[in-house]
C-alpha atoms as a PDB file:
ATOM      1  CA  MET A   1     -37.184 -76.327 101.896  1.00  0.00           C
ATOM      2  CA  PHE A   2     -35.686 -74.313  99.022  1.00  0.00           C
ATOM      3  CA  GLY A   3     -38.997 -74.421  97.186  1.00  0.00           C
ATOM      4  CA  TYR A   4     -40.867 -73.251 100.268  1.00  0.00           C
ATOM      5  CA  ASN A   5     -38.487 -70.352 100.931  1.00  0.00           C
ATOM      6  CA  ARG A   6     -38.648 -69.242  97.305  1.00  0.00           C
ATOM      7  CA  TRP A   7     -42.455 -69.425  97.351  1.00  0.00           C
ATOM      8  CA  LYS A   8     -42.610 -67.330 100.537  1.00  0.00           C
ATOM      9  CA  GLN A   9     -40.266 -64.675  99.144  1.00  0.00           C
ATOM     10  CA  GLN A  10     -42.163 -64.494  95.867  1.00  0.00           C
ATOM     11  CA  ALA A  11     -45.467 -64.135  97.732  1.00  0.00           C
ATOM     12  CA  ASN A  12     -44.122 -61.289  99.863  1.00  0.00           C
ATOM     13  CA  ASN A  13     -42.663 -59.562  96.796  1.00  0.00           C
ATOM     14  CA  ARG A  14     -45.985 -59.845  95.004  1.00  0.00           C
ATOM     15  CA  LEU A  15     -47.886 -58.335  97.920  1.00  0.00           C
ATOM     16  CA  GLY A  16     -45.481 -55.418  98.112  1.00  0.00           C
ATOM     17  CA  GLU A  17     -45.706 -54.725  94.397  1.00  0.00           C
ATOM     18  CA  GLN A  18     -49.505 -54.841  94.291  1.00  0.00           C
ATOM     19  CA  SER A  19     -50.250 -52.565  97.242  1.00  0.00           C
ATOM     20  CA  GLN A  20     -49.666 -49.104  98.651  1.00  0.00           C
ATOM     21  CA  VAL A  21     -49.758 -47.726 102.197  1.00  0.00           C
ATOM     22  CA  ALA A  22     -51.868 -44.656 102.920  1.00  0.00           C
ATOM     23  CA  LYS A  23     -51.085 -42.267 105.761  1.00  0.00           C
ATOM     24  CA  THR A  24     -54.513 -41.552 107.215  1.00  0.00           C
ATOM     25  CA  ALA A  25     -55.876 -39.737 110.251  1.00  0.00           C
ATOM     26  CA  MET A  26     -56.184 -43.155 111.927  1.00  0.00           C
ATOM     27  CA  GLY A  27     -52.722 -44.412 110.995  1.00  0.00           C
ATOM     28  CA  LEU A  28     -51.143 -46.447 108.205  1.00  0.00           C
ATOM     29  CA  ILE A  29     -53.469 -48.552 106.034  1.00  0.00           C
ATOM     30  CA  GLN A  30     -52.400 -50.925 103.270  1.00  0.00           C
ATOM     31  CA  TYR A  31     -54.624 -50.845 100.204  1.00  0.00           C
ATOM     32  CA  ALA A  32     -54.800 -51.429  96.467  1.00  0.00           C
ATOM     33  CA  THR A  33     -56.992 -49.941  93.765  1.00  0.00           C
ATOM     34  CA  VAL A  34     -57.962 -51.097  90.304  1.00  0.00           C
ATOM     35  CA  GLY A  35     -60.640 -50.120  87.845  1.00  0.00           C
ATOM     36  CA  ASN A  36     -61.821 -47.671  85.244  1.00  0.00           C
ATOM     37  CA  GLY A  37     -62.300 -44.568  87.356  1.00  0.00           C
ATOM     38  CA  GLY A  38     -66.019 -45.022  88.020  1.00  0.00           C
ATOM     39  CA  PRO A  39     -67.869 -44.999  91.359  1.00  0.00           C
ATOM     40  CA  ALA A  40     -65.950 -46.603  94.205  1.00  0.00           C
ATOM     41  CA  ILE A  41     -66.629 -50.052  95.645  1.00  0.00           C
ATOM     42  CA  ILE A  42     -64.850 -50.783  98.941  1.00  0.00           C
ATOM     43  CA  LEU A  43     -63.962 -54.466  99.349  1.00  0.00           C
ATOM     44  CA  ASN A  44     -63.905 -55.988 102.845  1.00  0.00           C
ATOM     45  CA  SER A  45     -62.319 -59.433 102.716  1.00  0.00           C
ATOM     46  CA  GLY A  46     -63.078 -62.440 104.862  1.00  0.00           C
ATOM     47  CA  ILE A  47     -60.890 -64.176 107.436  1.00  0.00           C
ATOM     48  CA  PRO A  48     -57.954 -64.569 106.863  1.00  0.00           C
ATOM     49  CA  GLY A  49     -57.731 -61.891 104.237  1.00  0.00           C
ATOM     50  CA  GLY A  50     -56.131 -58.624 103.360  1.00  0.00           C
ATOM     51  CA  PHE A  51     -56.255 -56.241 100.429  1.00  0.00           C
ATOM     52  CA  ASP A  52     -55.497 -59.019  97.933  1.00  0.00           C
ATOM     53  CA  GLN A  53     -58.387 -61.208  99.034  1.00  0.00           C
ATOM     54  CA  GLY A  54     -60.547 -58.110  98.847  1.00  0.00           C
ATOM     55  CA  MET A  55     -59.486 -57.585  95.261  1.00  0.00           C
ATOM     56  CA  LEU A  56     -60.333 -61.214  94.506  1.00  0.00           C
ATOM     57  CA  MET A  57     -63.949 -60.382  95.393  1.00  0.00           C
ATOM     58  CA  ALA A  58     -63.957 -58.155  92.302  1.00  0.00           C
ATOM     59  CA  PHE A  59     -62.612 -60.977  90.106  1.00  0.00           C
ATOM     60  CA  ASP A  60     -65.707 -61.025  87.909  1.00  0.00           C
ATOM     61  CA  MET A  61     -66.187 -57.238  87.786  1.00  0.00           C
ATOM     62  CA  LEU A  62     -62.817 -55.831  86.745  1.00  0.00           C
ATOM     63  CA  GLY A  63     -64.065 -54.879  83.288  1.00  0.00           C
ATOM     64  CA  LEU A  64     -66.980 -52.865  84.679  1.00  0.00           C
ATOM     65  CA  PRO A  65     -67.001 -49.052  85.183  1.00  0.00           C
ATOM     66  CA  TYR A  66     -66.032 -48.908  88.859  1.00  0.00           C
ATOM     67  CA  THR A  67     -63.008 -48.168  91.024  1.00  0.00           C
ATOM     68  CA  PHE A  68     -62.321 -51.076  93.381  1.00  0.00           C
ATOM     69  CA  VAL A  69     -60.519 -50.522  96.662  1.00  0.00           C
ATOM     70  CA  GLY A  70     -59.279 -53.465  98.703  1.00  0.00           C
ATOM     71  CA  TRP A  71     -57.673 -52.833 102.079  1.00  0.00           C
ATOM     72  CA  SER A  72     -56.000 -54.740 104.881  1.00  0.00           C
ATOM     73  CA  ARG A  73     -57.521 -54.535 108.331  1.00  0.00           C
ATOM     74  CA  PRO A  74     -55.141 -54.161 111.311  1.00  0.00           C
ATOM     75  CA  GLY A  75     -52.685 -57.004 111.653  1.00  0.00           C
ATOM     76  CA  TYR A  76     -52.896 -58.041 108.015  1.00  0.00           C
ATOM     77  CA  MET A  77     -49.603 -57.491 106.231  1.00  0.00           C
ATOM     78  CA  GLY A  78     -48.938 -53.764 105.747  1.00  0.00           C
ATOM     79  CA  THR A  79     -51.524 -52.404 108.190  1.00  0.00           C
ATOM     80  CA  PRO A  80     -49.980 -52.370 111.680  1.00  0.00           C
ATOM     81  CA  ALA A  81     -51.841 -54.392 114.309  1.00  0.00           C
ATOM     82  CA  GLU A  82     -51.866 -51.424 116.696  1.00  0.00           C
ATOM     83  CA  THR A  83     -53.822 -49.295 114.188  1.00  0.00           C
ATOM     84  CA  GLY A  84     -57.137 -50.622 115.530  1.00  0.00           C
ATOM     85  CA  HIS A  85     -58.527 -53.049 118.089  1.00  0.00           C
ATOM     86  CA  THR A  86     -62.326 -52.853 117.982  1.00  0.00           C
ATOM     87  CA  LEU A  87     -65.060 -52.978 115.368  1.00  0.00           C
ATOM     88  CA  GLU A  88     -65.586 -49.252 115.945  1.00  0.00           C
ATOM     89  CA  ASP A  89     -61.899 -48.689 115.153  1.00  0.00           C
ATOM     90  CA  TYR A  90     -62.251 -50.670 111.932  1.00  0.00           C
ATOM     91  CA  ILE A  91     -65.261 -48.610 110.874  1.00  0.00           C
ATOM     92  CA  GLU A  92     -63.306 -45.411 111.461  1.00  0.00           C
ATOM     93  CA  LEU A  93     -60.294 -46.821 109.621  1.00  0.00           C
ATOM     94  CA  GLN A  94     -62.436 -47.411 106.553  1.00  0.00           C
ATOM     95  CA  ALA A  95     -63.732 -43.842 106.785  1.00  0.00           C
ATOM     96  CA  ALA A  96     -60.177 -42.535 107.151  1.00  0.00           C
ATOM     97  CA  LEU A  97     -59.006 -44.496 104.106  1.00  0.00           C
ATOM     98  CA  MET A  98     -61.877 -43.124 102.052  1.00  0.00           C
ATOM     99  CA  ASP A  99     -60.919 -39.613 103.174  1.00  0.00           C
ATOM    100  CA  ALA A 100     -57.277 -40.188 102.254  1.00  0.00           C
ATOM    101  CA  LEU A 101     -58.329 -41.387  98.796  1.00  0.00           C
ATOM    102  CA  SER A 102     -60.852 -38.533  98.364  1.00  0.00           C
ATOM    103  CA  ILE A 103     -63.778 -40.950  98.176  1.00  0.00           C
ATOM    104  CA  GLN A 104     -66.908 -39.309  99.513  1.00  0.00           C
ATOM    105  CA  SER A 105     -69.309 -42.146  98.765  1.00  0.00           C
ATOM    106  CA  ALA A 106     -68.866 -45.824  97.936  1.00  0.00           C
ATOM    107  CA  ALA A 107     -70.624 -49.144  97.699  1.00  0.00           C
ATOM    108  CA  ILE A 108     -69.491 -51.348 100.577  1.00  0.00           C
ATOM    109  CA  TYR A 109     -69.003 -55.010  99.690  1.00  0.00           C
ATOM    110  CA  GLY A 110     -68.143 -57.398 102.504  1.00  0.00           C
ATOM    111  CA  ALA A 111     -67.624 -61.152 102.530  1.00  0.00           C
ATOM    112  CA  SER A 112     -67.665 -63.495 105.527  1.00  0.00           C
ATOM    113  CA  GLY A 113     -65.659 -61.912 108.365  1.00  0.00           C
ATOM    114  CA  GLY A 114     -65.716 -58.609 106.480  1.00  0.00           C
ATOM    115  CA  GLY A 115     -69.443 -58.402 107.191  1.00  0.00           C
ATOM    116  CA  PRO A 116     -69.289 -56.579 110.554  1.00  0.00           C
ATOM    117  CA  VAL A 117     -67.268 -53.618 109.267  1.00  0.00           C
ATOM    118  CA  THR A 118     -69.396 -53.518 106.102  1.00  0.00           C
ATOM    119  CA  TYR A 119     -72.703 -53.417 107.946  1.00  0.00           C
ATOM    120  CA  GLY A 120     -71.273 -51.278 110.751  1.00  0.00           C
ATOM    121  CA  PHE A 121     -69.962 -48.647 108.360  1.00  0.00           C
ATOM    122  CA  ALA A 122     -73.222 -48.529 106.399  1.00  0.00           C
ATOM    123  CA  ALA A 123     -75.153 -48.023 109.642  1.00  0.00           C
ATOM    124  CA  LYS A 124     -72.892 -45.269 110.967  1.00  0.00           C
ATOM    125  CA  TYR A 125     -72.245 -43.401 107.720  1.00  0.00           C
ATOM    126  CA  PRO A 126     -75.399 -43.726 105.587  1.00  0.00           C
ATOM    127  CA  ASP A 127     -74.536 -40.570 103.630  1.00  0.00           C
ATOM    128  CA  ARG A 128     -71.277 -42.162 102.452  1.00  0.00           C
ATOM    129  CA  VAL A 129     -72.800 -45.392 101.113  1.00  0.00           C
ATOM    130  CA  TRP A 130     -74.619 -45.832  97.807  1.00  0.00           C
ATOM    131  CA  ALA A 131     -75.072 -49.615  98.101  1.00  0.00           C
ATOM    132  CA  VAL A 132     -74.267 -52.549 100.406  1.00  0.00           C
ATOM    133  CA  LEU A 133     -73.526 -56.141  99.435  1.00  0.00           C
ATOM    134  CA  GLY A 134     -73.044 -58.846 102.047  1.00  0.00           C
ATOM    135  CA  GLU A 135     -71.733 -62.178 100.731  1.00  0.00           C
ATOM    136  CA  CYS A 136     -71.930 -65.042 103.230  1.00  0.00           C
ATOM    137  CA  ALA A 137     -71.355 -62.171 105.622  1.00  0.00           C
ATOM    138  CA  VAL A 138     -71.233 -62.257 109.415  1.00  0.00           C
ATOM    139  CA  SER A 139     -74.162 -60.192 110.727  1.00  0.00           C
ATOM    140  CA  LYS A 140     -74.249 -61.174 114.414  1.00  0.00           C
ATOM    141  CA  ASN A 141     -72.139 -62.853 117.087  1.00  0.00           C
ATOM    142  CA  TYR A 142     -69.819 -65.332 115.422  1.00  0.00           C
ATOM    143  CA  ASN A 143     -67.211 -67.814 116.625  1.00  0.00           C
ATOM    144  CA  MET A 144     -65.048 -69.014 113.747  1.00  0.00           C
ATOM    145  CA  TYR A 145     -63.931 -72.026 115.779  1.00  0.00           C
ATOM    146  CA  ALA A 146     -67.359 -73.100 116.998  1.00  0.00           C
ATOM    147  CA  ASN A 147     -67.425 -76.269 114.910  1.00  0.00           C
ATOM    148  CA  THR A 148     -64.857 -79.037 114.665  1.00  0.00           C
ATOM    149  CA  VAL A 149     -64.455 -78.860 110.874  1.00  0.00           C
ATOM    150  CA  SER A 150     -63.569 -75.154 110.916  1.00  0.00           C
ATOM    151  CA  ARG A 151     -61.143 -75.677 113.776  1.00  0.00           C
ATOM    152  CA  LEU A 152     -59.466 -78.569 111.965  1.00  0.00           C
ATOM    153  CA  PHE A 153     -59.230 -76.644 108.696  1.00  0.00           C
ATOM    154  CA  ALA A 154     -57.671 -73.681 110.510  1.00  0.00           C
ATOM    155  CA  ASP A 155     -55.157 -75.845 112.343  1.00  0.00           C
ATOM    156  CA  ILE A 156     -54.047 -77.650 109.176  1.00  0.00           C
ATOM    157  CA  PHE A 157     -54.200 -75.017 106.459  1.00  0.00           C
ATOM    158  CA  LEU A 158     -54.001 -71.597 108.116  1.00  0.00           C
ATOM    159  CA  SER A 159     -50.259 -71.703 108.540  1.00  0.00           C
ATOM    160  CA  ASN A 160     -47.338 -70.948 106.253  1.00  0.00           C
ATOM    161  CA  TYR A 161     -46.748 -74.588 105.400  1.00  0.00           C
ATOM    162  CA  GLY A 162     -50.467 -75.201 105.024  1.00  0.00           C
ATOM    163  CA  SER A 163     -50.921 -72.319 102.579  1.00  0.00           C
ATOM    164  CA  TYR A 164     -47.772 -73.411 100.715  1.00  0.00           C
ATOM    165  CA  TRP A 165     -49.193 -76.908 100.334  1.00  0.00           C
ATOM    166  CA  LEU A 166     -52.548 -75.554  99.137  1.00  0.00           C
ATOM    167  CA  THR A 167     -50.986 -73.319  96.490  1.00  0.00           C
ATOM    168  CA  ARG A 168     -48.885 -76.223  95.203  1.00  0.00           C
ATOM    169  CA  MET A 169     -51.943 -78.485  95.106  1.00  0.00           C
ATOM    170  CA  ALA A 170     -53.925 -75.850  93.200  1.00  0.00           C
ATOM    171  CA  LYS A 171     -51.262 -75.934  90.478  1.00  0.00           C
ATOM    172  CA  SER A 172     -50.622 -79.668  90.324  1.00  0.00           C
ATOM    173  CA  ASN A 173     -54.091 -81.039  91.066  1.00  0.00           C
ATOM    174  CA  PRO A 174     -56.709 -78.294  90.700  1.00  0.00           C
ATOM    175  CA  ASN A 175     -59.675 -80.635  91.100  1.00  0.00           C
ATOM    176  CA  ALA A 176     -58.333 -81.743  94.476  1.00  0.00           C
ATOM    177  CA  ALA A 177     -57.984 -78.081  95.426  1.00  0.00           C
ATOM    178  CA  ILE A 178     -61.574 -77.374  94.377  1.00  0.00           C
ATOM    179  CA  LYS A 179     -62.736 -80.342  96.455  1.00  0.00           C
ATOM    180  CA  THR A 180     -60.826 -79.036  99.476  1.00  0.00           C
ATOM    181  CA  VAL A 181     -62.555 -75.649  99.263  1.00  0.00           C
ATOM    182  CA  VAL A 182     -66.044 -77.037  98.712  1.00  0.00           C
ATOM    183  CA  THR A 183     -65.942 -79.824 101.303  1.00  0.00           C
ATOM    184  CA  GLY A 184     -64.325 -77.548 103.885  1.00  0.00           C
ATOM    185  CA  GLY A 185     -67.061 -74.933 103.724  1.00  0.00           C
ATOM    186  CA  SER A 186     -70.179 -76.869 102.751  1.00  0.00           C
ATOM    187  CA  LYS A 187     -72.867 -78.887 104.498  1.00  0.00           C
ATOM    188  CA  LEU A 188     -73.336 -80.985 101.359  1.00  0.00           C
ATOM    189  CA  LYS A 189     -72.627 -84.682 101.865  1.00  0.00           C
ATOM    190  CA  GLY A 190     -72.604 -87.910  99.897  1.00  0.00           C
ATOM    191  CA  SER A 191     -74.201 -87.935  96.456  1.00  0.00           C
ATOM    192  CA  ALA A 192     -75.255 -84.276  96.698  1.00  0.00           C
ATOM    193  CA  LEU A 193     -71.658 -83.237  97.310  1.00  0.00           C
ATOM    194  CA  ASN A 194     -70.360 -85.426  94.482  1.00  0.00           C
ATOM    195  CA  LYS A 195     -72.948 -84.005  92.087  1.00  0.00           C
ATOM    196  CA  GLU A 196     -71.874 -80.467  92.951  1.00  0.00           C
ATOM    197  CA  LEU A 197     -68.188 -81.263  92.552  1.00  0.00           C
ATOM    198  CA  LYS A 198     -68.712 -82.828  89.105  1.00  0.00           C
ATOM    199  CA  LEU A 199     -70.214 -79.538  87.953  1.00  0.00           C
ATOM    200  CA  LEU A 200     -67.073 -77.687  89.036  1.00  0.00           C
ATOM    201  CA  TYR A 201     -64.203 -79.955  88.071  1.00  0.00           C
ATOM    202  CA  ASP A 202     -62.025 -78.912  85.108  1.00  0.00           C
ATOM    203  CA  LYS A 203     -63.860 -75.602  84.636  1.00  0.00           C
ATOM    204  CA  PRO A 204     -61.239 -72.904  83.845  1.00  0.00           C
ATOM    205  CA  GLU A 205     -62.924 -70.214  85.944  1.00  0.00           C
ATOM    206  CA  MET A 206     -63.230 -72.535  88.952  1.00  0.00           C
ATOM    207  CA  ILE A 207     -59.555 -73.472  88.690  1.00  0.00           C
ATOM    208  CA  GLU A 208     -58.460 -69.839  88.433  1.00  0.00           C
ATOM    209  CA  ILE A 209     -60.608 -68.656  91.338  1.00  0.00           C
ATOM    210  CA  THR A 210     -59.376 -71.516  93.525  1.00  0.00           C
ATOM    211  CA  ARG A 211     -55.744 -70.713  92.763  1.00  0.00           C
ATOM    212  CA  GLU A 212     -56.279 -67.029  93.481  1.00  0.00           C
ATOM    213  CA  LEU A 213     -58.117 -67.824  96.723  1.00  0.00           C
ATOM    214  CA  PHE A 214     -55.222 -69.875  98.060  1.00  0.00           C
ATOM    215  CA  SER A 215     -52.791 -67.195  96.936  1.00  0.00           C
ATOM    216  CA  SER A 216     -54.800 -64.615  98.922  1.00  0.00           C
ATOM    217  CA  MET A 217     -54.141 -66.568 102.128  1.00  0.00           C
ATOM    218  CA  SER A 218     -50.395 -66.779 101.535  1.00  0.00           C
ATOM    219  CA  PRO A 219     -48.128 -66.481 103.332  1.00  0.00           C
ATOM    220  CA  MET A 220     -49.962 -66.778 106.637  1.00  0.00           C
ATOM    221  CA  ASN A 221     -47.256 -65.454 108.956  1.00  0.00           C
ATOM    222  CA  ASN A 222     -48.061 -61.824 108.095  1.00  0.00           C
ATOM    223  CA  ARG A 223     -51.837 -62.406 108.267  1.00  0.00           C
ATOM    224  CA  LYS A 224     -52.080 -64.319 111.537  1.00  0.00           C
ATOM    225  CA  ALA A 225     -52.284 -61.251 113.783  1.00  0.00           C
ATOM    226  CA  GLY A 226     -55.082 -59.817 111.653  1.00  0.00           C
ATOM    227  CA  MET A 227     -56.961 -63.102 111.679  1.00  0.00           C
ATOM    228  CA  ASN A 228     -56.727 -63.347 115.466  1.00  0.00           C
ATOM    229  CA  LYS A 229     -58.020 -59.793 115.855  1.00  0.00           C
ATOM    230  CA  ASP A 230     -60.915 -60.482 113.454  1.00  0.00           C
ATOM    231  CA  VAL A 231     -61.847 -63.641 115.362  1.00  0.00           C
ATOM    232  CA  GLU A 232     -61.988 -61.751 118.656  1.00  0.00           C
ATOM    233  CA  ILE A 233     -64.001 -58.884 117.161  1.00  0.00           C
ATOM    234  CA  CYS A 234     -66.589 -61.302 115.757  1.00  0.00           C
ATOM    235  CA  ARG A 235     -66.774 -63.089 119.104  1.00  0.00           C
ATOM    236  CA  ALA A 236     -67.375 -59.772 120.873  1.00  0.00           C
ATOM    237  CA  ILE A 237     -70.351 -58.738 118.729  1.00  0.00           C
ATOM    238  CA  LYS A 238     -73.515 -58.322 120.754  1.00  0.00           C
ATOM    239  CA  GLU A 239     -75.749 -56.777 118.119  1.00  0.00           C
ATOM    240  CA  LEU A 240     -75.026 -54.796 114.960  1.00  0.00           C
ATOM    241  CA  ASN A 241     -77.236 -51.779 114.302  1.00  0.00           C
ATOM    242  CA  LEU A 242     -78.613 -53.231 111.079  1.00  0.00           C
ATOM    243  CA  GLU A 243     -81.872 -51.267 111.289  1.00  0.00           C
ATOM    244  CA  ALA A 244     -79.887 -48.060 110.697  1.00  0.00           C
ATOM    245  CA  ILE A 245     -78.789 -49.163 107.215  1.00  0.00           C
ATOM    246  CA  THR A 246     -80.675 -47.192 104.577  1.00  0.00           C
ATOM    247  CA  ALA A 247     -78.643 -47.859 101.420  1.00  0.00           C
ATOM    248  CA  PRO A 248     -79.906 -50.432  98.902  1.00  0.00           C
ATOM    249  CA  THR A 249     -78.721 -53.787 100.230  1.00  0.00           C
ATOM    250  CA  LEU A 250     -78.240 -57.169  98.602  1.00  0.00           C
ATOM    251  CA  ILE A 251     -77.480 -60.223 100.725  1.00  0.00           C
ATOM    252  CA  ILE A 252     -76.121 -63.312  98.946  1.00  0.00           C
ATOM    253  CA  HIS A 253     -75.634 -66.516 100.921  1.00  0.00           C
ATOM    254  CA  GLY A 254     -75.108 -70.173 100.240  1.00  0.00           C
ATOM    255  CA  LEU A 255     -77.785 -72.307 101.861  1.00  0.00           C
ATOM    256  CA  MET A 256     -75.167 -75.004 102.510  1.00  0.00           C
ATOM    257  CA  ASP A 257     -72.692 -72.614 104.173  1.00  0.00           C
ATOM    258  CA  HIS A 258     -70.904 -74.530 106.923  1.00  0.00           C
ATOM    259  CA  ASP A 259     -68.702 -71.652 108.130  1.00  0.00           C
ATOM    260  CA  VAL A 260     -71.096 -68.696 108.430  1.00  0.00           C
ATOM    261  CA  ASP A 261     -74.491 -70.246 108.964  1.00  0.00           C
ATOM    262  CA  PHE A 262     -77.418 -69.174 106.771  1.00  0.00           C
ATOM    263  CA  SER A 263     -79.014 -67.618 109.862  1.00  0.00           C
ATOM    264  CA  HIS A 264     -76.620 -64.671 109.387  1.00  0.00           C
ATOM    265  CA  ALA A 265     -78.275 -63.939 106.038  1.00  0.00           C
ATOM    266  CA  GLU A 266     -81.739 -64.245 107.562  1.00  0.00           C
ATOM    267  CA  ASN A 267     -80.776 -61.928 110.403  1.00  0.00           C
ATOM    268  CA  ALA A 268     -79.497 -59.249 108.033  1.00  0.00           C
ATOM    269  CA  HIS A 269     -82.416 -59.587 105.630  1.00  0.00           C
ATOM    270  CA  ASN A 270     -85.030 -59.395 108.388  1.00  0.00           C
ATOM    271  CA  ARG A 271     -83.483 -56.328 109.981  1.00  0.00           C
ATOM    272  CA  ILE A 272     -82.293 -54.245 107.006  1.00  0.00           C
ATOM    273  CA  LYS A 273     -85.387 -52.581 105.625  1.00  0.00           C
ATOM    274  CA  GLY A 274     -85.933 -53.200 101.921  1.00  0.00           C
ATOM    275  CA  SER A 275     -82.987 -55.547 101.558  1.00  0.00           C
ATOM    276  CA  ASP A 276     -82.946 -58.283  98.927  1.00  0.00           C
ATOM    277  CA  LEU A 277     -81.833 -61.837  99.678  1.00  0.00           C
ATOM    278  CA  MET A 278     -80.369 -64.182  97.070  1.00  0.00           C
ATOM    279  CA  VAL A 279     -80.153 -67.787  98.247  1.00  0.00           C
ATOM    280  CA  ILE A 280     -77.901 -70.172  96.337  1.00  0.00           C
ATOM    281  CA  PRO A 281     -79.177 -73.651  97.278  1.00  0.00           C
ATOM    282  CA  THR A 282     -76.053 -75.736  96.615  1.00  0.00           C
ATOM    283  CA  ALA A 283     -73.391 -73.183  97.560  1.00  0.00           C
ATOM    284  CA  GLY A 284     -71.251 -73.454 100.658  1.00  0.00           C
ATOM    285  CA  HIS A 285     -69.137 -70.685 102.105  1.00  0.00           C
ATOM    286  CA  VAL A 286     -67.206 -69.806  98.932  1.00  0.00           C
ATOM    287  CA  ILE A 287     -69.976 -68.927  96.500  1.00  0.00           C
ATOM    288  CA  PRO A 288     -67.719 -68.250  93.478  1.00  0.00           C
ATOM    289  CA  ILE A 289     -66.664 -71.907  93.657  1.00  0.00           C
ATOM    290  CA  SER A 290     -70.155 -73.320  93.240  1.00  0.00           C
ATOM    291  CA  SER A 291     -72.574 -74.346  90.520  1.00  0.00           C
ATOM    292  CA  GLY A 292     -74.461 -71.124  91.234  1.00  0.00           C
ATOM    293  CA  TYR A 293     -71.539 -69.010  89.998  1.00  0.00           C
ATOM    294  CA  LYS A 294     -73.174 -67.730  86.793  1.00  0.00           C
ATOM    295  CA  GLU A 295     -76.393 -66.604  88.514  1.00  0.00           C
ATOM    296  CA  TYR A 296     -74.379 -65.073  91.350  1.00  0.00           C
ATOM    297  CA  VAL A 297     -72.303 -62.990  88.939  1.00  0.00           C
ATOM    298  CA  GLU A 298     -75.341 -61.827  86.994  1.00  0.00           C
ATOM    299  CA  ARG A 299     -77.214 -60.772  90.135  1.00  0.00           C
ATOM    300  CA  LYS A 300     -74.203 -58.964  91.572  1.00  0.00           C
ATOM    301  CA  HIS A 301     -73.562 -57.039  88.368  1.00  0.00           C
ATOM    302  CA  ALA A 302     -77.220 -56.087  88.007  1.00  0.00           C
ATOM    303  CA  PHE A 303     -77.356 -54.875  91.615  1.00  0.00           C
ATOM    304  CA  PHE A 304     -74.405 -52.517  91.326  1.00  0.00           C
ATOM    305  CA  GLU A 305     -75.528 -51.292  87.914  1.00  0.00           C
ATOM    306  CA  LYS A 306     -79.032 -50.529  89.209  1.00  0.00           C
ATOM    307  CA  TYR A 307     -77.778 -48.269  91.985  1.00  0.00           C
ATOM    308  CA  ARG A 308     -74.592 -46.902  90.421  1.00  0.00           C
ATOM    309  CA  PRO A 309     -74.578 -43.118  90.957  1.00  0.00           C
END
């Protein structure tokens, strides 16, 4: 119990040290920035996330000439739950944060459950977006608990004790942690799954990303409200106005994604005029922890560099 309490306190201290809270026209918003002062890239994390999971999305780009902004949607840590309740609210919150930070235009990069606000913002504010990247991103109605595996994973791991156990496992047995991520979010089975895992085990970058991923879900008690709100917002989606997106758009999706089905990528690609689609055949829901990591990084970097203002 002592170890758990110490871990929880250290996690909360870390989150407080790494973030700031902006007073915006829409209310208080927790955020963090890092980078070299170049064009802004707004990072919309998945579920359950927050500013720190957003920053993890920029893991492979921190040395590049951009300013990265990760933020916490309502109910995640330092952004009060009452700040917003609908997807429209979340879109306006992102606009308000950009205003507070004097960012007129940005690339919008959304992963998984961060897809709706990413696509929604790009559709509503085309003059404020220089590029859009959707990574395994939700692009239509989505129920996080629609399948048994996702429900089981949420019940076991998306709790304080679950995230504590995962972070300890990532330190003591990183290959087991990698396996947990891949098997939990992938449709790969049997020999195909084992082949993929062998390509990932003991790789330093895979170990580091896995550890940081589990850290970005910890502790869960101050993320639960945000996760619940995200789940309801995704369930309430009828149709996103994807046809209104005019910024250059890259969609990256794992073909074996078990959490956000590949049909979300097809939907976005078919409806966003001129969009590019990168399919990673063996990747599940967490693309950075896949054998397609190198190609994924190269394509992402090239995309932002091509359209950087």
